[in-house]
Amino acid sequence: MLIQYGQELGDYLYDVFVAKFDFWLAFGLIAQLLFTARFLVQWISSERAGKSVVPMAFWFFSMGGGLMTLVYGIAKREPVIILGQAMATIIYVRNIMLIIKSHARGSESLPN
């Protein structure tokens, strides 16, 4: 029974990641990697600071990965991805605008 499940899982993964590999799959995977990189940036920055911080790079990775994932969702006609990433991208852009506005007022410096 376990061997059968293992073979079915292997067949599924082959079908999803190899047999159906095309430009959009590669684009979507890169988008997801970019989006995931934001967590590494945030984690490393927090470890260096010794407290939880959200660096500016977190928001740029969020925006870049979110926009790429949105494009992927539009190209693949995936309404869940389109709705989720469209709303999230608005929040990422707004956070970047607020940070830049705050920096322009001189109230705090931009984090790394």
PDB file of N, CA and C in Angstrom:
ATOM      1  N   MET A   1       0.818  -1.191   0.000  1.00  0.00           N
ATOM      2  CA  MET A   1       0.000   0.000   0.000  1.00  0.00           C
ATOM      3  C   MET A   1       0.868   1.264   0.000  1.00  0.00           C
ATOM      4  N   LEU A   2       1.874   1.329   0.874  1.00  0.00           N
ATOM      5  CA  LEU A   2       2.752   2.487   0.906  1.00  0.00           C
ATOM      6  C   LEU A   2       3.523   2.654  -0.395  1.00  0.00           C
ATOM      7  N   ILE A   3       3.928   1.528  -0.983  1.00  0.00           N
ATOM      8  CA  ILE A   3       4.655   1.582  -2.253  1.00  0.00           C
ATOM      9  C   ILE A   3       3.766   2.160  -3.340  1.00  0.00           C
ATOM     10  N   GLN A   4       2.492   1.770  -3.351  1.00  0.00           N
ATOM     11  CA  GLN A   4       1.548   2.292  -4.341  1.00  0.00           C
ATOM     12  C   GLN A   4       1.377   3.798  -4.167  1.00  0.00           C
ATOM     13  N   TYR A   5       1.217   4.267  -2.918  1.00  0.00           N
ATOM     14  CA  TYR A   5       1.088   5.712  -2.662  1.00  0.00           C
ATOM     15  C   TYR A   5       2.346   6.456  -3.087  1.00  0.00           C
ATOM     16  N   GLY A   6       3.489   5.864  -2.829  1.00  0.00           N
ATOM     17  CA  GLY A   6       4.751   6.476  -3.233  1.00  0.00           C
ATOM     18  C   GLY A   6       4.855   6.602  -4.737  1.00  0.00           C
ATOM     19  N   GLN A   7       4.439   5.568  -5.449  1.00  0.00           N
ATOM     20  CA  GLN A   7       4.469   5.611  -6.908  1.00  0.00           C
ATOM     21  C   GLN A   7       3.477   6.638  -7.449  1.00  0.00           C
ATOM     22  N   GLU A   8       2.300   6.707  -6.854  1.00  0.00           N
ATOM     23  CA  GLU A   8       1.300   7.685  -7.286  1.00  0.00           C
ATOM     24  C   GLU A   8       1.778   9.111  -7.025  1.00  0.00           C
ATOM     25  N   LEU A   9       2.415   9.315  -5.884  1.00  0.00           N
ATOM     26  CA  LEU A   9       2.978  10.633  -5.580  1.00  0.00           C
ATOM     27  C   LEU A   9       4.072  10.987  -6.578  1.00  0.00           C
ATOM     28  N   GLY A  10       4.941  10.029  -6.883  1.00  0.00           N
ATOM     29  CA  GLY A  10       5.994  10.254  -7.874  1.00  0.00           C
ATOM     30  C   GLY A  10       5.419  10.591  -9.243  1.00  0.00           C
ATOM     31  N   ASP A  11       4.375   9.868  -9.646  1.00  0.00           N
ATOM     32  CA  ASP A  11       3.714  10.146 -10.932  1.00  0.00           C
ATOM     33  C   ASP A  11       3.101  11.540 -10.942  1.00  0.00           C
ATOM     34  N   TYR A  12       2.465  11.904  -9.837  1.00  0.00           N
ATOM     35  CA  TYR A  12       1.845  13.231  -9.726  1.00  0.00           C
ATOM     36  C   TYR A  12       2.905  14.327  -9.829  1.00  0.00           C
ATOM     37  N   LEU A  13       3.984  14.193  -9.056  1.00  0.00           N
ATOM     38  CA  LEU A  13       5.037  15.209  -9.075  1.00  0.00           C
ATOM     39  C   LEU A  13       5.691  15.302 -10.445  1.00  0.00           C
ATOM     40  N   TYR A  14       5.890  14.170 -11.101  1.00  0.00           N
ATOM     41  CA  TYR A  14       6.445  14.183 -12.452  1.00  0.00           C
ATOM     42  C   TYR A  14       5.518  14.930 -13.402  1.00  0.00           C
ATOM     43  N   ASP A  15       4.225  14.638 -13.319  1.00  0.00           N
ATOM     44  CA  ASP A  15       3.243  15.289 -14.191  1.00  0.00           C
ATOM     45  C   ASP A  15       3.224  16.797 -13.971  1.00  0.00           C
ATOM     46  N   VAL A  16       3.234  17.215 -12.702  1.00  0.00           N
ATOM     47  CA  VAL A  16       3.124  18.648 -12.377  1.00  0.00           C
ATOM     48  C   VAL A  16       4.399  19.420 -12.708  1.00  0.00           C
ATOM     49  N   PHE A  17       5.570  18.864 -12.348  1.00  0.00           N
ATOM     50  CA  PHE A  17       6.808  19.627 -12.449  1.00  0.00           C
ATOM     51  C   PHE A  17       7.667  19.323 -13.675  1.00  0.00           C
ATOM     52  N   VAL A  18       7.445  18.203 -14.331  1.00  0.00           N
ATOM     53  CA  VAL A  18       8.280  17.845 -15.476  1.00  0.00           C
ATOM     54  C   VAL A  18       7.461  17.824 -16.768  1.00  0.00           C
ATOM     55  N   ALA A  19       6.411  17.011 -16.806  1.00  0.00           N
ATOM     56  CA  ALA A  19       5.635  16.846 -18.034  1.00  0.00           C
ATOM     57  C   ALA A  19       4.967  18.151 -18.465  1.00  0.00           C
ATOM     58  N   LYS A  20       4.550  18.951 -17.497  1.00  0.00           N
ATOM     59  CA  LYS A  20       3.846  20.197 -17.824  1.00  0.00           C
ATOM     60  C   LYS A  20       4.754  21.423 -17.728  1.00  0.00           C
ATOM     61  N   PHE A  21       6.065  21.216 -17.705  1.00  0.00           N
ATOM     62  CA  PHE A  21       6.990  22.329 -17.573  1.00  0.00           C
ATOM     63  C   PHE A  21       6.937  23.211 -18.809  1.00  0.00           C
ATOM     64  N   ASP A  22       6.732  24.500 -18.600  1.00  0.00           N
ATOM     65  CA  ASP A  22       6.721  25.472 -19.681  1.00  0.00           C
ATOM     66  C   ASP A  22       7.174  26.822 -19.119  1.00  0.00           C
ATOM     67  N   PHE A  23       7.122  27.842 -19.950  1.00  0.00           N
ATOM     68  CA  PHE A  23       7.547  29.176 -19.531  1.00  0.00           C
ATOM     69  C   PHE A  23       6.798  29.639 -18.292  1.00  0.00           C
ATOM     70  N   TRP A  24       5.484  29.452 -18.266  1.00  0.00           N
ATOM     71  CA  TRP A  24       4.681  29.966 -17.150  1.00  0.00           C
ATOM     72  C   TRP A  24       4.960  29.241 -15.844  1.00  0.00           C
ATOM     73  N   LEU A  25       5.263  27.964 -15.927  1.00  0.00           N
ATOM     74  CA  LEU A  25       5.641  27.253 -14.709  1.00  0.00           C
ATOM     75  C   LEU A  25       6.964  27.800 -14.178  1.00  0.00           C
ATOM     76  N   ALA A  26       7.929  28.005 -15.066  1.00  0.00           N
ATOM     77  CA  ALA A  26       9.213  28.576 -14.651  1.00  0.00           C
ATOM     78  C   ALA A  26       9.008  29.982 -14.074  1.00  0.00           C
ATOM     79  N   PHE A  27       8.198  30.799 -14.724  1.00  0.00           N
ATOM     80  CA  PHE A  27       7.900  32.154 -14.255  1.00  0.00           C
ATOM     81  C   PHE A  27       7.255  32.107 -12.873  1.00  0.00           C
ATOM     82  N   GLY A  28       6.276  31.225 -12.702  1.00  0.00           N
ATOM     83  CA  GLY A  28       5.589  31.102 -11.419  1.00  0.00           C
ATOM     84  C   GLY A  28       6.514  30.625 -10.310  1.00  0.00           C
ATOM     85  N   LEU A  29       7.408  29.696 -10.628  1.00  0.00           N
ATOM     86  CA  LEU A  29       8.366  29.222  -9.627  1.00  0.00           C
ATOM     87  C   LEU A  29       9.338  30.326  -9.217  1.00  0.00           C
ATOM     88  N   ILE A  30       9.814  31.106 -10.183  1.00  0.00           N
ATOM     89  CA  ILE A  30      10.701  32.235  -9.868  1.00  0.00           C
ATOM     90  C   ILE A  30       9.961  33.269  -9.026  1.00  0.00           C
ATOM     91  N   ALA A  31       8.702  33.532  -9.370  1.00  0.00           N
ATOM     92  CA  ALA A  31       7.894  34.472  -8.589  1.00  0.00           C
ATOM     93  C   ALA A  31       7.767  33.995  -7.147  1.00  0.00           C
ATOM     94  N   GLN A  32       7.518  32.713  -6.972  1.00  0.00           N
ATOM     95  CA  GLN A  32       7.368  32.168  -5.627  1.00  0.00           C
ATOM     96  C   GLN A  32       8.684  32.216  -4.856  1.00  0.00           C
ATOM     97  N   LEU A  33       9.793  31.958  -5.533  1.00  0.00           N
ATOM     98  CA  LEU A  33      11.101  32.058  -4.871  1.00  0.00           C
ATOM     99  C   LEU A  33      11.397  33.486  -4.441  1.00  0.00           C
ATOM    100  N   LEU A  34      11.080  34.447  -5.299  1.00  0.00           N
ATOM    101  CA  LEU A  34      11.274  35.860  -4.959  1.00  0.00           C
ATOM    102  C   LEU A  34      10.399  36.238  -3.772  1.00  0.00           C
ATOM    103  N   PHE A  35       9.166  35.793  -3.785  1.00  0.00           N
ATOM    104  CA  PHE A  35       8.240  36.079  -2.699  1.00  0.00           C
ATOM    105  C   PHE A  35       8.725  35.447  -1.391  1.00  0.00           C
ATOM    106  N   THR A  36       9.241  34.233  -1.477  1.00  0.00           N
ATOM    107  CA  THR A  36       9.739  33.536  -0.293  1.00  0.00           C
ATOM    108  C   THR A  36      11.010  34.182   0.252  1.00  0.00           C
ATOM    109  N   ALA A  37      11.799  34.787  -0.612  1.00  0.00           N
ATOM    110  CA  ALA A  37      13.049  35.434  -0.183  1.00  0.00           C
ATOM    111  C   ALA A  37      12.791  36.522   0.849  1.00  0.00           C
ATOM    112  N   ARG A  38      11.611  37.098   0.843  1.00  0.00           N
ATOM    113  CA  ARG A  38      11.301  38.160   1.790  1.00  0.00           C
ATOM    114  C   ARG A  38      11.378  37.650   3.229  1.00  0.00           C
ATOM    115  N   PHE A  39      10.997  36.391   3.443  1.00  0.00           N
ATOM    116  CA  PHE A  39      11.059  35.830   4.785  1.00  0.00           C
ATOM    117  C   PHE A  39      12.505  35.641   5.237  1.00  0.00           C
ATOM    118  N   LEU A  40      13.377  35.243   4.316  1.00  0.00           N
ATOM    119  CA  LEU A  40      14.792  35.130   4.658  1.00  0.00           C
ATOM    120  C   LEU A  40      15.377  36.490   5.025  1.00  0.00           C
ATOM    121  N   VAL A  41      15.046  37.502   4.237  1.00  0.00           N
ATOM    122  CA  VAL A  41      15.531  38.857   4.509  1.00  0.00           C
ATOM    123  C   VAL A  41      15.056  39.329   5.876  1.00  0.00           C
ATOM    124  N   GLN A  42      13.795  39.091   6.173  1.00  0.00           N
ATOM    125  CA  GLN A  42      13.237  39.522   7.461  1.00  0.00           C
ATOM    126  C   GLN A  42      13.873  38.758   8.611  1.00  0.00           C
ATOM    127  N   TRP A  43      14.064  37.487   8.453  1.00  0.00           N
ATOM    128  CA  TRP A  43      14.653  36.647   9.500  1.00  0.00           C
ATOM    129  C   TRP A  43      16.095  37.073   9.787  1.00  0.00           C
ATOM    130  N   ILE A  44      16.899  37.242   8.732  1.00  0.00           N
ATOM    131  CA  ILE A  44      18.297  37.643   8.901  1.00  0.00           C
ATOM    132  C   ILE A  44      18.382  39.012   9.558  1.00  0.00           C
ATOM    133  N   SER A  45      17.555  39.960   9.119  1.00  0.00           N
ATOM    134  CA  SER A  45      17.554  41.297   9.712  1.00  0.00           C
ATOM    135  C   SER A  45      17.166  41.254  11.186  1.00  0.00           C
ATOM    136  N   SER A  46      16.187  40.439  11.519  1.00  0.00           N
ATOM    137  CA  SER A  46      15.753  40.315  12.912  1.00  0.00           C
ATOM    138  C   SER A  46      16.844  39.688  13.777  1.00  0.00           C
ATOM    139  N   GLU A  47      17.506  38.672  13.251  1.00  0.00           N
ATOM    140  CA  GLU A  47      18.594  38.037  14.006  1.00  0.00           C
ATOM    141  C   GLU A  47      19.722  39.029  14.261  1.00  0.00           C
ATOM    142  N   ARG A  48      20.065  39.829  13.259  1.00  0.00           N
ATOM    143  CA  ARG A  48      21.132  40.825  13.423  1.00  0.00           C
ATOM    144  C   ARG A  48      20.756  41.892  14.440  1.00  0.00           C
ATOM    145  N   ALA A  49      19.480  42.291  14.425  1.00  0.00           N
ATOM    146  CA  ALA A  49      19.024  43.341  15.340  1.00  0.00           C
ATOM    147  C   ALA A  49      18.714  42.805  16.736  1.00  0.00           C
ATOM    148  N   GLY A  50      18.532  41.503  16.843  1.00  0.00           N
ATOM    149  CA  GLY A  50      18.181  40.915  18.129  1.00  0.00           C
ATOM    150  C   GLY A  50      16.738  41.158  18.524  1.00  0.00           C
ATOM    151  N   LYS A  51      15.930  41.572  17.560  1.00  0.00           N
ATOM    152  CA  LYS A  51      14.496  41.790  17.768  1.00  0.00           C
ATOM    153  C   LYS A  51      13.804  41.686  16.417  1.00  0.00           C
ATOM    154  N   SER A  52      12.500  41.581  16.438  1.00  0.00           N
ATOM    155  CA  SER A  52      11.751  41.465  15.192  1.00  0.00           C
ATOM    156  C   SER A  52      11.721  42.800  14.464  1.00  0.00           C
ATOM    157  N   VAL A  53      12.217  42.802  13.238  1.00  0.00           N
ATOM    158  CA  VAL A  53      12.209  44.009  12.402  1.00  0.00           C
ATOM    159  C   VAL A  53      11.708  43.642  11.006  1.00  0.00           C
ATOM    160  N   VAL A  54      11.200  44.640  10.300  1.00  0.00           N
ATOM    161  CA  VAL A  54      10.747  44.452   8.921  1.00  0.00           C
ATOM    162  C   VAL A  54      11.519  45.446   8.050  1.00  0.00           C
ATOM    163  N   PRO A  55      12.583  44.976   7.391  1.00  0.00           N
ATOM    164  CA  PRO A  55      13.404  45.881   6.580  1.00  0.00           C
ATOM    165  C   PRO A  55      12.702  46.278   5.284  1.00  0.00           C
ATOM    166  N   MET A  56      13.162  47.360   4.692  1.00  0.00           N
ATOM    167  CA  MET A  56      12.601  47.848   3.432  1.00  0.00           C
ATOM    168  C   MET A  56      12.673  46.767   2.346  1.00  0.00           C
ATOM    169  N   ALA A  57      13.747  45.985   2.341  1.00  0.00           N
ATOM    170  CA  ALA A  57      13.891  44.919   1.339  1.00  0.00           C
ATOM    171  C   ALA A  57      12.735  43.922   1.412  1.00  0.00           C
ATOM    172  N   PHE A  58      12.191  43.699   2.605  1.00  0.00           N
ATOM    173  CA  PHE A  58      11.033  42.805   2.767  1.00  0.00           C
ATOM    174  C   PHE A  58       9.884  43.276   1.882  1.00  0.00           C
ATOM    175  N   TRP A  59       9.629  44.588   1.895  1.00  0.00           N
ATOM    176  CA  TRP A  59       8.507  45.116   1.121  1.00  0.00           C
ATOM    177  C   TRP A  59       8.785  45.075  -0.374  1.00  0.00           C
ATOM    178  N   PHE A  60      10.052  45.271  -0.777  1.00  0.00           N
ATOM    179  CA  PHE A  60      10.376  45.180  -2.199  1.00  0.00           C
ATOM    180  C   PHE A  60      10.270  43.735  -2.700  1.00  0.00           C
ATOM    181  N   PHE A  61      10.744  42.772  -1.903  1.00  0.00           N
ATOM    182  CA  PHE A  61      10.577  41.371  -2.289  1.00  0.00           C
ATOM    183  C   PHE A  61       9.092  41.005  -2.325  1.00  0.00           C
ATOM    184  N   SER A  62       8.317  41.509  -1.375  1.00  0.00           N
ATOM    185  CA  SER A  62       6.877  41.247  -1.351  1.00  0.00           C
ATOM    186  C   SER A  62       6.218  41.785  -2.613  1.00  0.00           C
ATOM    187  N   MET A  63       6.550  43.033  -2.961  1.00  0.00           N
ATOM    188  CA  MET A  63       5.944  43.664  -4.130  1.00  0.00           C
ATOM    189  C   MET A  63       6.367  42.942  -5.412  1.00  0.00           C
ATOM    190  N   GLY A  64       7.663  42.662  -5.561  1.00  0.00           N
ATOM    191  CA  GLY A  64       8.143  41.993  -6.771  1.00  0.00           C
ATOM    192  C   GLY A  64       7.560  40.597  -6.926  1.00  0.00           C
ATOM    193  N   GLY A  65       7.632  39.815  -5.858  1.00  0.00           N
ATOM    194  CA  GLY A  65       7.084  38.463  -5.905  1.00  0.00           C
ATOM    195  C   GLY A  65       5.579  38.465  -6.073  1.00  0.00           C
ATOM    196  N   GLY A  66       4.908  39.408  -5.402  1.00  0.00           N
ATOM    197  CA  GLY A  66       3.452  39.517  -5.514  1.00  0.00           C
ATOM    198  C   GLY A  66       3.011  39.899  -6.918  1.00  0.00           C
ATOM    199  N   LEU A  67       3.711  40.866  -7.527  1.00  0.00           N
ATOM    200  CA  LEU A  67       3.364  41.274  -8.892  1.00  0.00           C
ATOM    201  C   LEU A  67       3.609  40.146  -9.887  1.00  0.00           C
ATOM    202  N   MET A  68       4.732  39.447  -9.722  1.00  0.00           N
ATOM    203  CA  MET A  68       5.007  38.328 -10.626  1.00  0.00           C
ATOM    204  C   MET A  68       3.970  37.220 -10.454  1.00  0.00           C
ATOM    205  N   THR A  69       3.578  36.955  -9.215  1.00  0.00           N
ATOM    206  CA  THR A  69       2.566  35.931  -8.967  1.00  0.00           C
ATOM    207  C   THR A  69       1.218  36.370  -9.519  1.00  0.00           C
ATOM    208  N   LEU A  70       0.920  37.671  -9.440  1.00  0.00           N
ATOM    209  CA  LEU A  70      -0.309  38.210 -10.027  1.00  0.00           C
ATOM    210  C   LEU A  70      -0.311  38.005 -11.546  1.00  0.00           C
ATOM    211  N   VAL A  71       0.803  38.321 -12.203  1.00  0.00           N
ATOM    212  CA  VAL A  71       0.910  38.114 -13.651  1.00  0.00           C
ATOM    213  C   VAL A  71       0.715  36.632 -13.982  1.00  0.00           C
ATOM    214  N   TYR A  72       1.330  35.770 -13.190  1.00  0.00           N
ATOM    215  CA  TYR A  72       1.171  34.327 -13.379  1.00  0.00           C
ATOM    216  C   TYR A  72      -0.300  33.933 -13.247  1.00  0.00           C
ATOM    217  N   GLY A  73      -0.979  34.431 -12.216  1.00  0.00           N
ATOM    218  CA  GLY A  73      -2.391  34.120 -12.008  1.00  0.00           C
ATOM    219  C   GLY A  73      -3.261  34.592 -13.160  1.00  0.00           C
ATOM    220  N   ILE A  74      -2.949  35.777 -13.687  1.00  0.00           N
ATOM    221  CA  ILE A  74      -3.702  36.303 -14.828  1.00  0.00           C
ATOM    222  C   ILE A  74      -3.467  35.428 -16.061  1.00  0.00           C
ATOM    223  N   ALA A  75      -2.202  35.083 -16.298  1.00  0.00           N
ATOM    224  CA  ALA A  75      -1.877  34.262 -17.470  1.00  0.00           C
ATOM    225  C   ALA A  75      -2.509  32.880 -17.382  1.00  0.00           C
ATOM    226  N   LYS A  76      -2.564  32.323 -16.185  1.00  0.00           N
ATOM    227  CA  LYS A  76      -3.124  30.985 -15.998  1.00  0.00           C
ATOM    228  C   LYS A  76      -4.624  31.009 -15.692  1.00  0.00           C
ATOM    229  N   ARG A  77      -5.198  32.223 -15.607  1.00  0.00           N
ATOM    230  CA  ARG A  77      -6.634  32.397 -15.344  1.00  0.00           C
ATOM    231  C   ARG A  77      -7.047  31.745 -14.024  1.00  0.00           C
ATOM    232  N   GLU A  78      -6.294  32.058 -12.976  1.00  0.00           N
ATOM    233  CA  GLU A  78      -6.534  31.523 -11.640  1.00  0.00           C
ATOM    234  C   GLU A  78      -7.147  32.610 -10.762  1.00  0.00           C
ATOM    235  N   PRO A  79      -8.474  32.608 -10.578  1.00  0.00           N
ATOM    236  CA  PRO A  79      -9.118  33.698  -9.842  1.00  0.00           C
ATOM    237  C   PRO A  79      -8.662  33.823  -8.386  1.00  0.00           C
ATOM    238  N   VAL A  80      -8.336  32.721  -7.714  1.00  0.00           N
ATOM    239  CA  VAL A  80      -7.885  32.796  -6.325  1.00  0.00           C
ATOM    240  C   VAL A  80      -6.560  33.546  -6.241  1.00  0.00           C
ATOM    241  N   ILE A  81      -5.639  33.232  -7.130  1.00  0.00           N
ATOM    242  CA  ILE A  81      -4.348  33.921  -7.151  1.00  0.00           C
ATOM    243  C   ILE A  81      -4.533  35.382  -7.530  1.00  0.00           C
ATOM    244  N   ILE A  82      -5.360  35.652  -8.536  1.00  0.00           N
ATOM    245  CA  ILE A  82      -5.578  37.032  -8.982  1.00  0.00           C
ATOM    246  C   ILE A  82      -6.116  37.889  -7.839  1.00  0.00           C
ATOM    247  N   LEU A  83      -7.168  37.429  -7.177  1.00  0.00           N
ATOM    248  CA  LEU A  83      -7.757  38.218  -6.090  1.00  0.00           C
ATOM    249  C   LEU A  83      -6.795  38.385  -4.921  1.00  0.00           C
ATOM    250  N   GLY A  84      -6.158  37.311  -4.524  1.00  0.00           N
ATOM    251  CA  GLY A  84      -5.242  37.368  -3.383  1.00  0.00           C
ATOM    252  C   GLY A  84      -4.055  38.273  -3.632  1.00  0.00           C
ATOM    253  N   GLN A  85      -3.423  38.139  -4.786  1.00  0.00           N
ATOM    254  CA  GLN A  85      -2.230  38.932  -5.054  1.00  0.00           C
ATOM    255  C   GLN A  85      -2.547  40.380  -5.415  1.00  0.00           C
ATOM    256  N   ALA A  86      -3.688  40.625  -6.031  1.00  0.00           N
ATOM    257  CA  ALA A  86      -4.059  42.012  -6.349  1.00  0.00           C
ATOM    258  C   ALA A  86      -4.240  42.813  -5.063  1.00  0.00           C
ATOM    259  N   MET A  87      -4.935  42.233  -4.102  1.00  0.00           N
ATOM    260  CA  MET A  87      -5.157  42.925  -2.823  1.00  0.00           C
ATOM    261  C   MET A  87      -3.848  43.080  -2.045  1.00  0.00           C
ATOM    262  N   ALA A  88      -3.054  42.017  -1.997  1.00  0.00           N
ATOM    263  CA  ALA A  88      -1.799  42.059  -1.245  1.00  0.00           C
ATOM    264  C   ALA A  88      -0.826  43.060  -1.852  1.00  0.00           C
ATOM    265  N   THR A  89      -0.768  43.133  -3.173  1.00  0.00           N
ATOM    266  CA  THR A  89       0.169  44.045  -3.831  1.00  0.00           C
ATOM    267  C   THR A  89      -0.169  45.500  -3.498  1.00  0.00           C
ATOM    268  N   ILE A  90      -1.439  45.818  -3.379  1.00  0.00           N
ATOM    269  CA  ILE A  90      -1.842  47.174  -2.979  1.00  0.00           C
ATOM    270  C   ILE A  90      -1.265  47.496  -1.596  1.00  0.00           C
ATOM    271  N   ILE A  91      -1.315  46.538  -0.688  1.00  0.00           N
ATOM    272  CA  ILE A  91      -0.784  46.749   0.659  1.00  0.00           C
ATOM    273  C   ILE A  91       0.727  46.927   0.620  1.00  0.00           C
ATOM    274  N   TYR A  92       1.433  46.135  -0.183  1.00  0.00           N
ATOM    275  CA  TYR A  92       2.886  46.250  -0.275  1.00  0.00           C
ATOM    276  C   TYR A  92       3.283  47.624  -0.802  1.00  0.00           C
ATOM    277  N   VAL A  93       2.619  48.064  -1.871  1.00  0.00           N
ATOM    278  CA  VAL A  93       2.924  49.371  -2.459  1.00  0.00           C
ATOM    279  C   VAL A  93       2.636  50.476  -1.443  1.00  0.00           C
ATOM    280  N   ARG A  94       1.536  50.371  -0.745  1.00  0.00           N
ATOM    281  CA  ARG A  94       1.176  51.396   0.252  1.00  0.00           C
ATOM    282  C   ARG A  94       2.207  51.452   1.381  1.00  0.00           C
ATOM    283  N   ASN A  95       2.672  50.311   1.855  1.00  0.00           N
ATOM    284  CA  ASN A  95       3.690  50.308   2.897  1.00  0.00           C
ATOM    285  C   ASN A  95       4.979  50.969   2.417  1.00  0.00           C
ATOM    286  N   ILE A  96       5.383  50.688   1.195  1.00  0.00           N
ATOM    287  CA  ILE A  96       6.581  51.332   0.638  1.00  0.00           C
ATOM    288  C   ILE A  96       6.369  52.837   0.563  1.00  0.00           C
ATOM    289  N   MET A  97       5.183  53.279   0.127  1.00  0.00           N
ATOM    290  CA  MET A  97       4.882  54.714   0.060  1.00  0.00           C
ATOM    291  C   MET A  97       4.962  55.365   1.443  1.00  0.00           C
ATOM    292  N   LEU A  98       4.431  54.701   2.454  1.00  0.00           N
ATOM    293  CA  LEU A  98       4.465  55.252   3.814  1.00  0.00           C
ATOM    294  C   LEU A  98       5.894  55.347   4.347  1.00  0.00           C
ATOM    295  N   ILE A  99       6.713  54.338   4.064  1.00  0.00           N
ATOM    296  CA  ILE A  99       8.104  54.363   4.512  1.00  0.00           C
ATOM    297  C   ILE A  99       8.867  55.489   3.827  1.00  0.00           C
ATOM    298  N   ILE A 100       8.678  55.632   2.528  1.00  0.00           N
ATOM    299  CA  ILE A 100       9.356  56.698   1.783  1.00  0.00           C
ATOM    300  C   ILE A 100       8.893  58.064   2.272  1.00  0.00           C
ATOM    301  N   LYS A 101       7.594  58.220   2.501  1.00  0.00           N
ATOM    302  CA  LYS A 101       7.053  59.486   3.019  1.00  0.00           C
ATOM    303  C   LYS A 101       7.643  59.806   4.386  1.00  0.00           C
ATOM    304  N   SER A 102       7.738  58.807   5.243  1.00  0.00           N
ATOM    305  CA  SER A 102       8.310  58.991   6.570  1.00  0.00           C
ATOM    306  C   SER A 102       9.783  59.380   6.468  1.00  0.00           C
ATOM    307  N   HIS A 103      10.507  58.750   5.555  1.00  0.00           N
ATOM    308  CA  HIS A 103      11.923  59.065   5.366  1.00  0.00           C
ATOM    309  C   HIS A 103      12.098  60.489   4.842  1.00  0.00           C
ATOM    310  N   ALA A 104      11.219  60.895   3.922  1.00  0.00           N
ATOM    311  CA  ALA A 104      11.307  62.243   3.359  1.00  0.00           C
ATOM    312  C   ALA A 104      11.090  63.313   4.425  1.00  0.00           C
ATOM    313  N   ARG A 105      10.255  63.006   5.422  1.00  0.00           N
ATOM    314  CA  ARG A 105      10.030  63.952   6.525  1.00  0.00           C
ATOM    315  C   ARG A 105      11.218  63.968   7.485  1.00  0.00           C
ATOM    316  N   GLY A 106      12.089  62.970   7.349  1.00  0.00           N
ATOM    317  CA  GLY A 106      13.258  62.911   8.206  1.00  0.00           C
ATOM    318  C   GLY A 106      12.993  62.350   9.579  1.00  0.00           C
ATOM    319  N   SER A 107      11.833  61.751   9.795  1.00  0.00           N
ATOM    320  CA  SER A 107      11.493  61.260  11.119  1.00  0.00           C
ATOM    321  C   SER A 107      12.232  59.972  11.463  1.00  0.00           C
ATOM    322  N   GLU A 108      12.617  59.188  10.459  1.00  0.00           N
ATOM    323  CA  GLU A 108      13.412  57.987  10.715  1.00  0.00           C
ATOM    324  C   GLU A 108      14.126  57.601   9.431  1.00  0.00           C
ATOM    325  N   SER A 109      15.222  56.908   9.565  1.00  0.00           N
ATOM    326  CA  SER A 109      15.968  56.489   8.385  1.00  0.00           C
ATOM    327  C   SER A 109      15.423  55.177   7.859  1.00  0.00           C
ATOM    328  N   LEU A 110      15.631  54.949   6.569  1.00  0.00           N
ATOM    329  CA  LEU A 110      15.201  53.701   5.955  1.00  0.00           C
ATOM    330  C   LEU A 110      16.075  52.563   6.448  1.00  0.00           C
ATOM    331  N   PRO A 111      15.463  51.481   6.889  1.00  0.00           N
ATOM    332  CA  PRO A 111      16.272  50.314   7.283  1.00  0.00           C
ATOM    333  C   PRO A 111      16.876  49.632   6.075  1.00  0.00           C
ATOM    334  N   ASN A 112      17.906  48.833   6.306  1.00  0.00           N
ATOM    335  CA  ASN A 112      18.567  48.101   5.212  1.00  0.00           C
ATOM    336  C   ASN A 112      17.691  47.046   4.659  1.00  0.00           C
TER     337      ASN A 112
END
